[in-house]
Each structure stands twice: as structure tokens, then as C-alpha cells.
Amino acid sequence: MTPKLLAIRFFAVLLAFLSSAPRADDSVIFSKDIQPILNERCVVCHVRGAEQGNLALDRRNALANLVAQPSSQSGLARVEPGDSTESYLIHKLKGNQLEVGGSGARMPLGSGPLTKKEIAKFESWINEGAAGN
């Protein structure tokens, strides 16, 4: 194999590796990935002024009301930045809130559970630090 051919193969392998590596822009963005789910599935009950569980999830209030805020139903924070397993929101979305000392029903109430993909977005956002935009 000639040096030129070897170099071409090396760069082809390198390019394939780099294109499959995770990119920073694959991170979950609250306004793009999380808030639309909240708007579609949660705000109907958690709207400012008539919010269930004193939890408004509209665009202006959701982030501040979720991140590092204590849950009124368990000893966990609603969202523990960096740790989805210690975030009560994830337990409510998965329906295992009773296992962590919580109460009430699985969320969202009355419209069927979120998909595994939607819940995974919440988990990724939390594990990435639960940042705003």
C-alpha cells in the first residue's frame, strides 16, 4: 500500500469516526425540546393562576418552578440538575412516584403518558444540568 493510499484511508476512517461522535449541538435545549412538550401536554392543568399542585408550567414560569425547587409531594427536588434519578418530575412522568415517597397520579393526568422518547428528553435535559436557554 502506498503512503498516499494509506493517508486517504486514514482520513476516511477519521472522518467516519468524527461524523458519528456526539456533537455539542445534540444537547437538549429547554425552549426547543422541553417547553413544547410542557405546552402540549402539561400547561392545560398547570397554567398560571389555576395551576394544579401550585406548579405553573407555562413558558414564563416553567423553568423557575421546576429547577432546584422542592416538590410538595416528596422529599426530592422537582428537578435536581445533573441527576434525573433524584428528580421528582421524572418519577411523576414514569408513574413510580410512590416508590420515592411521593403521591398522586402519573403525569400528565387524563391524556395518557408521555412516550419513552419524550421522557428520555427530560432525563437528558436534567442530566445535562437542567439549563435554561
Protein backbone atom coordinates (compact mmCIF):
# COMPACT_ATOMS: atom_id res chain seq x y z
CA MET A 1 0.00 0.00 0.00
CA THR A 2 1.41 3.36 -0.99
CA PRO A 3 1.76 6.18 1.56
CA LYS A 4 -0.81 8.23 -0.37
CA LEU A 5 -3.39 5.42 -0.28
CA LEU A 6 -2.66 4.84 3.41
CA ALA A 7 -3.22 8.54 4.15
CA ILE A 8 -6.52 8.54 2.23
CA ARG A 9 -7.77 5.52 4.17
CA PHE A 10 -6.66 7.09 7.46
CA PHE A 11 -8.59 10.29 6.73
CA ALA A 12 -11.64 8.33 5.59
CA VAL A 13 -11.67 6.41 8.88
CA LEU A 14 -11.09 9.62 10.84
CA LEU A 15 -13.94 11.37 9.04
CA ALA A 16 -16.29 8.44 9.69
CA PHE A 17 -15.37 8.49 13.38
CA LEU A 18 -15.85 12.24 13.75
CA SER A 19 -19.20 12.21 11.99
CA SER A 20 -20.51 9.53 14.37
CA ALA A 21 -19.14 11.17 17.54
CA PRO A 22 -21.66 13.03 19.72
CA ARG A 23 -21.83 16.72 18.95
CA ALA A 24 -22.38 19.57 21.38
CA ASP A 25 -25.41 20.67 19.37
CA ASP A 26 -27.14 17.36 20.17
CA SER A 27 -27.80 18.55 23.71
CA VAL A 28 -31.36 19.09 24.83
CA ILE A 29 -32.47 22.72 24.78
CA PHE A 30 -35.22 23.71 27.17
CA SER A 31 -37.09 26.08 24.84
CA LYS A 32 -36.76 23.81 21.80
CA ASP A 33 -37.15 20.33 23.31
CA ILE A 34 -38.80 20.55 26.73
CA GLN A 35 -41.15 23.56 26.75
CA PRO A 36 -43.05 22.39 23.64
CA ILE A 37 -43.89 19.12 25.44
CA LEU A 38 -44.98 21.06 28.50
CA ASN A 39 -47.11 23.35 26.32
CA GLU A 40 -48.77 20.45 24.54
CA ARG A 41 -49.25 18.04 27.43
CA CYS A 42 -49.00 19.86 30.76
CA VAL A 43 -50.00 23.52 30.62
CA VAL A 44 -53.67 22.67 30.27
CA CYS A 45 -53.66 21.84 34.01
CA HIS A 46 -50.54 23.71 35.12
CA VAL A 47 -51.45 27.15 33.82
CA ARG A 48 -50.62 30.33 35.76
CA GLY A 49 -53.48 31.36 38.03
CA ALA A 50 -55.15 27.95 38.05
CA GLU A 51 -52.16 25.66 38.34
CA GLN A 52 -52.52 22.19 39.81
CA GLY A 53 -50.15 21.48 42.68
CA ASN A 54 -49.03 25.13 42.72
CA LEU A 55 -46.91 24.35 39.66
CA ALA A 56 -47.27 26.68 36.69
CA LEU A 57 -45.55 25.24 33.61
CA ASP A 58 -46.24 27.98 31.08
CA ARG A 59 -43.34 29.45 29.10
CA ARG A 60 -42.66 32.27 31.59
CA ASN A 61 -42.73 30.15 34.73
CA ALA A 62 -41.78 26.54 33.96
CA LEU A 63 -38.01 26.73 34.31
CA ALA A 64 -38.06 28.68 37.58
CA ASN A 65 -40.79 26.46 39.03
CA LEU A 66 -39.01 23.21 38.17
CA VAL A 67 -35.25 23.54 38.60
CA ALA A 68 -33.94 23.07 42.15
CA GLN A 69 -37.40 23.61 43.62
CA PRO A 70 -38.69 21.28 46.33
CA SER A 71 -41.58 19.04 45.45
CA SER A 72 -44.67 19.44 47.60
CA GLN A 73 -45.29 15.68 47.30
CA SER A 74 -41.92 14.15 48.17
CA GLY A 75 -38.54 14.92 49.68
CA LEU A 76 -36.98 15.28 46.23
CA ALA A 77 -36.50 18.42 44.20
CA ARG A 78 -38.83 18.74 41.25
CA VAL A 79 -35.72 18.82 39.06
CA GLU A 80 -32.29 18.07 40.52
CA PRO A 81 -29.82 19.47 37.96
CA GLY A 82 -27.43 16.74 36.82
CA ASP A 83 -29.40 13.85 38.33
CA SER A 84 -32.63 12.69 36.74
CA THR A 85 -32.96 9.78 39.18
CA GLU A 86 -33.26 12.28 42.04
CA SER A 87 -35.74 14.47 40.16
CA TYR A 88 -39.35 14.03 41.22
CA LEU A 89 -40.57 15.17 37.81
CA ILE A 90 -39.11 12.05 36.20
CA HIS A 91 -40.80 9.82 38.77
CA LYS A 92 -44.15 11.53 38.09
CA LEU A 93 -43.68 11.12 34.33
CA LYS A 94 -42.76 7.43 34.70
CA GLY A 95 -45.50 6.72 37.24
CA ASN A 96 -43.24 5.45 40.01
CA GLN A 97 -43.64 8.45 42.33
CA LEU A 98 -44.92 6.27 45.18
CA GLU A 99 -41.57 4.45 45.26
CA VAL A 100 -39.80 7.68 46.24
CA GLY A 101 -42.31 8.76 48.90
CA GLY A 102 -44.46 10.78 46.52
CA SER A 103 -48.16 10.82 45.97
CA GLY A 104 -50.82 11.42 43.39
CA ALA A 105 -51.12 10.03 39.90
CA ARG A 106 -48.77 9.64 36.98
CA MET A 107 -48.46 12.76 34.86
CA PRO A 108 -49.80 14.01 32.60
CA LEU A 109 -53.18 13.28 34.06
CA GLY A 110 -56.01 12.30 31.74
CA SER A 111 -54.16 12.34 28.44
CA GLY A 112 -52.00 9.24 28.57
CA PRO A 113 -48.33 9.05 29.49
CA LEU A 114 -45.50 10.69 27.61
CA THR A 115 -43.63 8.47 25.18
CA LYS A 116 -40.33 6.90 26.19
CA LYS A 117 -38.62 9.29 23.76
CA GLU A 118 -40.25 12.32 25.40
CA ILE A 119 -39.28 11.13 28.88
CA ALA A 120 -35.74 10.50 27.63
CA LYS A 121 -35.58 14.15 26.53
CA PHE A 122 -36.47 15.26 30.05
CA GLU A 123 -33.88 12.88 31.51
CA SER A 124 -31.18 14.13 29.13
CA TRP A 125 -32.01 17.76 29.85
CA ILE A 126 -31.79 17.16 33.60
CA ASN A 127 -28.61 15.05 33.37
CA GLU A 128 -27.02 17.77 31.22
CA GLY A 129 -27.60 20.24 34.08
CA ALA A 130 -31.20 21.41 33.51
CA ALA A 131 -30.05 24.64 31.97
CA GLY A 132 -32.28 27.30 30.51
CA ASN A 133 -31.54 28.61 27.06
